[in-house]
């Protein structure tokens, strides 16, 4: 008799906990509407310059915030590589040596290709940070204020 009662008690308790988490998830979950806009609790919000406002939403999830920091690092490296590519391309016009022009052009192409990789990785990190935040909300692992 006791094991049956304990089993029923655990089942009802877990169902109530799951229902509470689902309601909180519907209110707090984030999804992207379009670039630089996110959707939360029935409203859309601007993400801010370089997703600054979104970062505040991610602060309740330690893993989501860590992934957001990876996004920023990869984004910054990608921007740096684009700048280096543009700099190398502009430098080709400043030199008269054909070998140096060829090397700068090849370097510019290499930096451009490298920046694509970092830009794609940064977008993956951004979307994963939101996914981790939503997963933490669903499973009750957040630091709610």
Protein backbone atom coordinates (compact mmCIF):
# COMPACT_ATOMS: atom_id res chain seq x y z
CA UNK A 1 0.00 0.00 0.00
CA UNK A 2 2.79 2.43 0.90
CA UNK A 3 4.69 2.07 -2.41
CA UNK A 4 1.48 2.78 -4.36
CA UNK A 5 0.73 5.85 -2.26
CA UNK A 6 4.31 7.09 -2.65
CA UNK A 7 4.18 6.53 -6.41
CA UNK A 8 0.90 8.47 -6.73
CA UNK A 9 2.26 11.29 -4.58
CA UNK A 10 5.39 11.57 -6.75
CA UNK A 11 3.39 11.50 -9.98
CA UNK A 12 1.00 14.24 -8.88
CA UNK A 13 3.86 16.36 -7.55
CA UNK A 14 5.85 16.03 -10.75
CA UNK A 15 2.79 16.90 -12.86
CA UNK A 16 2.19 20.07 -10.82
CA UNK A 17 5.87 21.03 -11.08
CA UNK A 18 5.84 20.42 -14.86
CA UNK A 19 2.69 22.51 -15.30
CA UNK A 20 4.25 25.36 -13.30
CA UNK A 21 7.42 25.20 -15.42
CA UNK A 22 5.41 25.20 -18.65
CA UNK A 23 3.53 28.34 -17.62
CA UNK A 24 6.78 30.06 -16.67
CA UNK A 25 8.36 28.88 -19.94
CA UNK A 26 5.54 30.42 -21.98
CA UNK A 27 6.02 33.76 -20.21
CA UNK A 28 9.83 33.85 -20.21
CA UNK A 29 10.98 31.96 -23.34
CA UNK A 30 12.74 33.98 -26.03
CA UNK A 31 12.68 33.46 -29.77
CA UNK A 32 14.04 35.56 -32.59
CA UNK A 33 11.43 37.38 -34.70
CA UNK A 34 13.85 38.95 -37.15
CA UNK A 35 17.39 40.30 -36.90
CA UNK A 36 17.79 42.54 -33.88
CA UNK A 37 14.29 41.73 -32.54
CA UNK A 38 13.28 39.00 -30.10
CA UNK A 39 9.91 37.74 -28.92
CA UNK A 40 9.14 37.16 -25.24
CA UNK A 41 5.82 36.71 -23.45
CA UNK A 42 3.66 37.79 -26.36
CA UNK A 43 5.64 40.95 -27.21
CA UNK A 44 8.55 41.75 -29.46
CA UNK A 45 11.51 43.72 -28.15
CA UNK A 46 14.55 45.29 -29.82
CA UNK A 47 17.75 43.40 -29.10
CA UNK A 48 19.77 46.57 -28.82
CA UNK A 49 23.08 47.53 -30.34
CA UNK A 50 25.17 44.35 -30.61
CA UNK A 51 22.41 42.50 -28.69
CA UNK A 52 23.05 44.49 -25.49
CA UNK A 53 19.42 44.26 -24.29
CA UNK A 54 19.33 40.56 -25.07
CA UNK A 55 22.40 40.06 -22.86
CA UNK A 56 20.38 41.33 -19.88
CA UNK A 57 17.77 38.65 -20.60
CA UNK A 58 20.48 35.98 -20.72
CA UNK A 59 21.89 36.88 -17.31
CA UNK A 60 19.45 34.51 -15.59
CA UNK A 61 21.14 31.55 -17.28
CA UNK A 62 24.83 30.97 -16.49
CA UNK A 63 25.32 28.64 -19.47
CA UNK A 64 23.43 30.98 -21.80
CA UNK A 65 25.54 33.92 -20.67
CA UNK A 66 28.76 31.94 -21.20
CA UNK A 67 27.65 31.09 -24.73
CA UNK A 68 26.78 34.75 -25.32
CA UNK A 69 30.35 35.67 -24.34
CA UNK A 70 31.59 33.20 -26.98
CA UNK A 71 29.31 34.95 -29.46
CA UNK A 72 30.89 38.33 -28.65
CA UNK A 73 34.42 36.94 -28.90
CA UNK A 74 33.79 35.30 -32.28
CA UNK A 75 31.94 38.38 -33.55
CA UNK A 76 34.84 40.65 -32.57
CA UNK A 77 37.41 38.36 -34.20
CA UNK A 78 35.27 38.30 -37.35
CA UNK A 79 35.09 42.10 -37.41
CA UNK A 80 38.85 42.33 -36.86
CA UNK A 81 39.45 39.97 -39.79
CA UNK A 82 37.13 42.01 -42.03
CA UNK A 83 39.08 45.12 -41.08
CA UNK A 84 42.38 43.38 -41.85
CA UNK A 85 40.99 42.25 -45.19
CA UNK A 86 39.95 45.78 -46.11
CA UNK A 87 43.30 47.13 -44.93
CA UNK A 88 45.23 44.60 -47.03
CA UNK A 89 43.05 45.33 -50.05
CA UNK A 90 43.57 49.09 -49.73
CA UNK A 91 47.31 48.57 -49.27
CA UNK A 92 47.56 46.92 -52.68
CA UNK A 93 46.98 50.35 -54.23
CA UNK A 94 49.79 51.93 -52.20
CA UNK A 95 52.61 49.74 -53.47
CA UNK A 96 54.15 49.44 -56.91
CA UNK A 97 55.74 46.04 -56.37
CA UNK A 98 53.71 43.34 -58.15
CA UNK A 99 54.78 40.58 -55.75
CA UNK A 100 53.74 42.66 -52.74
CA UNK A 101 50.42 43.48 -54.41
CA UNK A 102 49.81 39.79 -55.06
CA UNK A 103 50.65 38.86 -51.46
CA UNK A 104 48.38 41.57 -50.08
CA UNK A 105 45.56 40.48 -52.38
CA UNK A 106 45.93 36.84 -51.31
CA UNK A 107 46.06 37.97 -47.67
CA UNK A 108 42.89 40.01 -48.18
CA UNK A 109 41.08 36.99 -49.63
CA UNK A 110 42.33 34.80 -46.76
CA UNK A 111 41.13 37.24 -44.12
CA UNK A 112 37.74 37.49 -45.87
CA UNK A 113 37.29 33.72 -45.87
CA UNK A 114 38.38 33.52 -42.22
CA UNK A 115 35.93 36.23 -41.22
CA UNK A 116 33.07 34.22 -42.73
CA UNK A 117 33.89 31.30 -40.47
CA UNK A 118 33.99 33.45 -37.34
CA UNK A 119 30.79 35.27 -38.30
CA UNK A 120 28.93 31.98 -38.79
CA UNK A 121 30.27 30.65 -35.49
CA UNK A 122 29.19 33.81 -33.69
CA UNK A 123 25.63 33.46 -35.01
CA UNK A 124 25.56 29.82 -33.88
CA UNK A 125 26.75 30.92 -30.43
CA UNK A 126 24.06 33.62 -30.26
CA UNK A 127 21.24 31.23 -31.11
CA UNK A 128 22.65 28.56 -28.79
CA UNK A 129 22.79 31.07 -25.91
CA UNK A 130 19.05 31.76 -26.32
CA UNK A 131 18.35 28.03 -26.59
CA UNK A 132 20.31 27.35 -23.39
CA UNK A 133 18.43 30.13 -21.58
CA UNK A 134 15.09 28.68 -22.68
CA UNK A 135 16.21 25.19 -21.67
CA UNK A 136 17.23 26.47 -18.24
CA UNK A 137 13.81 28.09 -17.80
CA UNK A 138 12.04 24.89 -18.82
CA UNK A 139 14.00 22.79 -16.35
CA UNK A 140 14.00 25.34 -13.51
CA UNK A 141 17.75 26.05 -13.52
CA UNK A 142 17.64 29.86 -13.72
CA UNK A 143 18.66 32.66 -11.40
CA UNK A 144 15.37 34.55 -11.56
CA UNK A 145 15.40 38.04 -10.07
